[in-house]
Amino acid sequence: MLTITAQASDAIRGILAADSVPDGAVVRISPQPASGEQETGLVVSVTDSPPPDDQIVEGDEVEVAVAPSAAQILDDKELDATVVDDQVNFIIGHQSD
């Protein structure tokens, strides 16, 4: 199952605290639609209400919704984040032991 680092949890809390984000919204990870020859990747977005079949991953007082097709990819991964000049960059890596 995907794990969430403390840095990613802090970044998610910051995103969800923005004035433009409605109460109860969550961060969601889903497949990025393929376009042309571009590789399909993952996209992180904010949603008011995730689809009912999303997997909910909890970490350090935050919840992340994961689309079923992304859950398979992220099963043994860790979500981390860096913040530079108010820009959040999420990083998917292997889980730390």
N, C-alpha and C. Protein backbone atom coordinates (compact mmCIF):
# COMPACT_ATOMS: atom_id res chain seq x y z
N MET A 1 0.84 -1.18 0.00
CA MET A 1 0.00 0.00 0.00
C MET A 1 0.89 1.24 0.00
N LEU A 2 0.48 2.28 -0.71
CA LEU A 2 1.18 3.55 -0.75
C LEU A 2 1.35 4.11 0.66
N THR A 3 2.55 4.63 0.95
CA THR A 3 2.77 5.33 2.20
C THR A 3 3.00 6.80 1.89
N ILE A 4 2.79 7.65 2.89
CA ILE A 4 2.90 9.09 2.71
C ILE A 4 3.90 9.62 3.73
N THR A 5 4.93 10.32 3.26
CA THR A 5 5.93 10.86 4.17
C THR A 5 5.38 12.08 4.91
N ALA A 6 6.07 12.47 5.96
CA ALA A 6 5.66 13.65 6.72
C ALA A 6 5.72 14.90 5.85
N GLN A 7 6.73 14.98 4.97
CA GLN A 7 6.85 16.14 4.09
C GLN A 7 5.68 16.20 3.11
N ALA A 8 5.26 15.06 2.58
CA ALA A 8 4.11 15.03 1.67
C ALA A 8 2.84 15.40 2.42
N SER A 9 2.70 14.91 3.64
CA SER A 9 1.52 15.25 4.45
C SER A 9 1.45 16.75 4.70
N ASP A 10 2.59 17.36 5.03
CA ASP A 10 2.63 18.81 5.24
C ASP A 10 2.24 19.55 3.96
N ALA A 11 2.76 19.11 2.82
CA ALA A 11 2.45 19.76 1.54
C ALA A 11 0.96 19.63 1.22
N ILE A 12 0.40 18.47 1.47
CA ILE A 12 -1.02 18.23 1.20
C ILE A 12 -1.88 19.12 2.10
N ARG A 13 -1.52 19.21 3.37
CA ARG A 13 -2.27 20.10 4.26
C ARG A 13 -2.23 21.54 3.76
N GLY A 14 -1.07 21.97 3.26
CA GLY A 14 -0.95 23.32 2.72
C GLY A 14 -1.83 23.53 1.51
N ILE A 15 -1.87 22.56 0.62
CA ILE A 15 -2.70 22.64 -0.58
C ILE A 15 -4.17 22.73 -0.19
N LEU A 16 -4.59 21.87 0.72
CA LEU A 16 -6.00 21.82 1.10
C LEU A 16 -6.43 23.02 1.95
N ALA A 17 -5.47 23.74 2.52
CA ALA A 17 -5.78 24.91 3.33
C ALA A 17 -6.00 26.17 2.49
N ALA A 18 -5.73 26.10 1.20
CA ALA A 18 -5.90 27.27 0.33
C ALA A 18 -7.35 27.73 0.33
N ASP A 19 -7.55 29.03 0.25
CA ASP A 19 -8.90 29.61 0.26
C ASP A 19 -9.77 29.08 -0.87
N SER A 20 -9.15 28.76 -2.00
CA SER A 20 -9.92 28.32 -3.17
C SER A 20 -10.35 26.85 -3.10
N VAL A 21 -9.86 26.12 -2.10
CA VAL A 21 -10.18 24.69 -1.97
C VAL A 21 -11.34 24.53 -1.00
N PRO A 22 -12.43 23.88 -1.45
CA PRO A 22 -13.60 23.71 -0.57
C PRO A 22 -13.31 22.76 0.60
N ASP A 23 -14.02 22.97 1.69
CA ASP A 23 -13.91 22.07 2.84
C ASP A 23 -14.25 20.65 2.41
N GLY A 24 -13.52 19.68 2.93
CA GLY A 24 -13.79 18.29 2.63
C GLY A 24 -13.10 17.77 1.37
N ALA A 25 -12.40 18.65 0.65
CA ALA A 25 -11.69 18.21 -0.56
C ALA A 25 -10.51 17.33 -0.17
N VAL A 26 -10.08 16.49 -1.10
CA VAL A 26 -8.92 15.61 -0.89
C VAL A 26 -8.01 15.68 -2.11
N VAL A 27 -6.76 15.31 -1.88
CA VAL A 27 -5.81 15.15 -2.99
C VAL A 27 -6.06 13.78 -3.59
N ARG A 28 -6.00 13.71 -4.92
CA ARG A 28 -6.27 12.46 -5.63
C ARG A 28 -5.14 12.17 -6.62
N ILE A 29 -4.70 10.92 -6.66
CA ILE A 29 -3.71 10.47 -7.63
C ILE A 29 -4.41 9.57 -8.63
N SER A 30 -4.26 9.90 -9.91
CA SER A 30 -4.92 9.11 -10.96
C SER A 30 -4.00 9.05 -12.18
N PRO A 31 -4.28 8.12 -13.10
CA PRO A 31 -3.47 8.04 -14.32
C PRO A 31 -3.66 9.29 -15.17
N GLN A 32 -2.58 9.71 -15.77
CA GLN A 32 -2.63 10.83 -16.70
C GLN A 32 -3.00 10.27 -18.06
N PRO A 33 -4.00 10.84 -18.72
CA PRO A 33 -4.38 10.32 -20.04
C PRO A 33 -3.22 10.40 -21.02
N ALA A 34 -3.06 9.37 -21.80
CA ALA A 34 -2.00 9.34 -22.82
C ALA A 34 -2.37 10.25 -23.97
N SER A 35 -1.38 10.94 -24.49
CA SER A 35 -1.62 11.78 -25.66
C SER A 35 -0.48 11.56 -26.65
N GLY A 36 -0.82 11.09 -27.81
CA GLY A 36 0.19 10.83 -28.83
C GLY A 36 1.17 9.78 -28.38
N GLU A 37 2.44 10.10 -28.48
CA GLU A 37 3.49 9.15 -28.11
C GLU A 37 3.96 9.35 -26.68
N GLN A 38 3.35 10.28 -25.99
CA GLN A 38 3.76 10.58 -24.62
C GLN A 38 3.39 9.44 -23.69
N GLU A 39 4.33 9.14 -22.77
CA GLU A 39 4.07 8.08 -21.80
C GLU A 39 2.94 8.47 -20.87
N THR A 40 2.16 7.51 -20.47
CA THR A 40 1.13 7.74 -19.48
C THR A 40 1.81 7.77 -18.12
N GLY A 41 1.48 8.77 -17.33
CA GLY A 41 2.05 8.89 -16.00
C GLY A 41 0.94 9.05 -14.99
N LEU A 42 1.25 9.67 -13.90
CA LEU A 42 0.27 9.92 -12.85
C LEU A 42 0.10 11.42 -12.68
N VAL A 43 -1.09 11.81 -12.27
CA VAL A 43 -1.38 13.21 -12.03
C VAL A 43 -1.95 13.35 -10.62
N VAL A 44 -1.51 14.40 -9.93
CA VAL A 44 -2.02 14.70 -8.59
C VAL A 44 -2.94 15.90 -8.74
N SER A 45 -4.15 15.77 -8.23
CA SER A 45 -5.13 16.86 -8.34
C SER A 45 -5.91 16.96 -7.03
N VAL A 46 -6.73 17.99 -6.95
CA VAL A 46 -7.61 18.16 -5.79
C VAL A 46 -9.03 17.91 -6.27
N THR A 47 -9.78 17.13 -5.52
CA THR A 47 -11.16 16.83 -5.88
C THR A 47 -12.07 17.04 -4.68
N ASP A 48 -13.28 17.51 -4.97
CA ASP A 48 -14.28 17.70 -3.90
C ASP A 48 -14.72 16.36 -3.33
N SER A 49 -14.85 15.38 -4.21
CA SER A 49 -15.37 14.08 -3.79
C SER A 49 -14.79 13.00 -4.70
N PRO A 50 -13.93 12.15 -4.18
CA PRO A 50 -13.36 11.09 -5.02
C PRO A 50 -14.41 10.05 -5.38
N PRO A 51 -14.23 9.39 -6.52
CA PRO A 51 -15.15 8.30 -6.88
C PRO A 51 -15.18 7.23 -5.79
N PRO A 52 -16.30 6.55 -5.64
CA PRO A 52 -16.44 5.58 -4.55
C PRO A 52 -15.47 4.40 -4.63
N ASP A 53 -14.94 4.10 -5.83
CA ASP A 53 -14.02 2.96 -5.93
C ASP A 53 -12.56 3.34 -5.70
N ASP A 54 -12.28 4.61 -5.40
CA ASP A 54 -10.92 5.02 -5.07
C ASP A 54 -10.49 4.40 -3.75
N GLN A 55 -9.21 4.11 -3.65
CA GLN A 55 -8.63 3.64 -2.40
C GLN A 55 -8.24 4.89 -1.60
N ILE A 56 -8.56 4.94 -0.33
CA ILE A 56 -8.19 6.06 0.52
C ILE A 56 -6.99 5.66 1.36
N VAL A 57 -5.90 6.41 1.20
CA VAL A 57 -4.67 6.15 1.93
C VAL A 57 -4.51 7.26 2.97
N GLU A 58 -4.25 6.88 4.20
CA GLU A 58 -4.10 7.86 5.28
C GLU A 58 -2.64 7.96 5.68
N GLY A 59 -2.25 9.19 6.00
CA GLY A 59 -0.89 9.41 6.47
C GLY A 59 -0.79 10.72 7.21
N ASP A 60 -0.36 10.69 8.44
CA ASP A 60 -0.11 11.88 9.24
C ASP A 60 -1.24 12.91 9.14
N GLU A 61 -2.44 12.47 9.42
CA GLU A 61 -3.63 13.33 9.48
C GLU A 61 -4.08 13.88 8.13
N VAL A 62 -3.72 13.21 7.04
CA VAL A 62 -4.23 13.56 5.71
C VAL A 62 -4.72 12.30 5.02
N GLU A 63 -5.61 12.49 4.07
CA GLU A 63 -6.09 11.39 3.25
C GLU A 63 -5.79 11.70 1.79
N VAL A 64 -5.38 10.67 1.07
CA VAL A 64 -5.14 10.77 -0.37
C VAL A 64 -6.00 9.72 -1.04
N ALA A 65 -6.78 10.13 -2.04
CA ALA A 65 -7.58 9.19 -2.81
C ALA A 65 -6.72 8.70 -3.98
N VAL A 66 -6.75 7.40 -4.22
CA VAL A 66 -5.95 6.80 -5.29
C VAL A 66 -6.89 6.04 -6.21
N ALA A 67 -6.89 6.41 -7.48
CA ALA A 67 -7.71 5.72 -8.48
C ALA A 67 -7.30 4.25 -8.54
N PRO A 68 -8.27 3.34 -8.78
CA PRO A 68 -7.96 1.91 -8.78
C PRO A 68 -6.80 1.53 -9.71
N SER A 69 -6.74 2.10 -10.91
CA SER A 69 -5.66 1.76 -11.84
C SER A 69 -4.32 2.30 -11.36
N ALA A 70 -4.31 3.37 -10.59
CA ALA A 70 -3.06 3.90 -10.04
C ALA A 70 -2.65 3.13 -8.79
N ALA A 71 -3.62 2.57 -8.07
CA ALA A 71 -3.32 1.85 -6.84
C ALA A 71 -2.38 0.67 -7.11
N GLN A 72 -2.56 0.01 -8.23
CA GLN A 72 -1.68 -1.12 -8.58
C GLN A 72 -0.25 -0.65 -8.76
N ILE A 73 -0.06 0.48 -9.40
CA ILE A 73 1.27 1.02 -9.66
C ILE A 73 1.93 1.46 -8.35
N LEU A 74 1.14 2.00 -7.44
CA LEU A 74 1.65 2.61 -6.21
C LEU A 74 1.69 1.68 -5.01
N ASP A 75 1.35 0.42 -5.21
CA ASP A 75 1.19 -0.52 -4.09
C ASP A 75 2.38 -0.55 -3.15
N ASP A 76 3.61 -0.52 -3.66
CA ASP A 76 4.80 -0.61 -2.82
C ASP A 76 5.62 0.68 -2.85
N LYS A 77 4.95 1.80 -3.09
CA LYS A 77 5.64 3.08 -3.26
C LYS A 77 5.39 4.02 -2.09
N GLU A 78 6.16 5.12 -2.09
CA GLU A 78 6.06 6.14 -1.07
C GLU A 78 5.86 7.49 -1.76
N LEU A 79 4.92 8.28 -1.24
CA LEU A 79 4.67 9.62 -1.75
C LEU A 79 5.44 10.60 -0.88
N ASP A 80 6.33 11.36 -1.52
CA ASP A 80 7.11 12.36 -0.83
C ASP A 80 6.88 13.69 -1.54
N ALA A 81 7.35 14.78 -0.96
CA ALA A 81 7.16 16.09 -1.59
C ALA A 81 8.28 17.03 -1.20
N THR A 82 8.55 17.97 -2.09
CA THR A 82 9.42 19.09 -1.80
C THR A 82 8.64 20.35 -2.13
N VAL A 83 8.93 21.41 -1.40
CA VAL A 83 8.28 22.69 -1.66
C VAL A 83 9.37 23.72 -1.89
N VAL A 84 9.34 24.37 -3.06
CA VAL A 84 10.30 25.42 -3.40
C VAL A 84 9.51 26.61 -3.93
N ASP A 85 9.67 27.75 -3.26
CA ASP A 85 8.96 28.97 -3.66
C ASP A 85 7.46 28.73 -3.83
N ASP A 86 6.84 28.09 -2.87
CA ASP A 86 5.40 27.78 -2.86
C ASP A 86 4.98 26.83 -3.97
N GLN A 87 5.93 26.19 -4.64
CA GLN A 87 5.64 25.19 -5.69
C GLN A 87 5.86 23.81 -5.09
N VAL A 88 4.82 22.98 -5.08
CA VAL A 88 4.92 21.63 -4.53
C VAL A 88 5.28 20.66 -5.65
N ASN A 89 6.29 19.86 -5.39
CA ASN A 89 6.67 18.78 -6.32
C ASN A 89 6.53 17.46 -5.57
N PHE A 90 5.65 16.61 -6.08
CA PHE A 90 5.47 15.30 -5.47
C PHE A 90 6.41 14.32 -6.14
N ILE A 91 6.95 13.42 -5.32
CA ILE A 91 7.91 12.42 -5.79
C ILE A 91 7.39 11.05 -5.37
N ILE A 92 7.36 10.13 -6.32
CA ILE A 92 7.00 8.74 -6.02
C ILE A 92 8.29 7.94 -6.00
N GLY A 93 8.55 7.28 -4.90
CA GLY A 93 9.75 6.48 -4.77
C GLY A 93 9.44 5.15 -4.12
N HIS A 94 10.48 4.37 -3.94
CA HIS A 94 10.32 3.08 -3.25
C HIS A 94 10.19 3.34 -1.76
N GLN A 95 9.41 2.51 -1.10
CA GLN A 95 9.21 2.67 0.34
C GLN A 95 10.52 2.46 1.08
N SER A 96 10.73 3.29 2.10
CA SER A 96 11.89 3.14 2.97
C SER A 96 11.63 1.98 3.93
N ASP A 97 12.67 1.29 4.26
CA ASP A 97 12.52 0.17 5.21
C ASP A 97 12.54 0.65 6.62
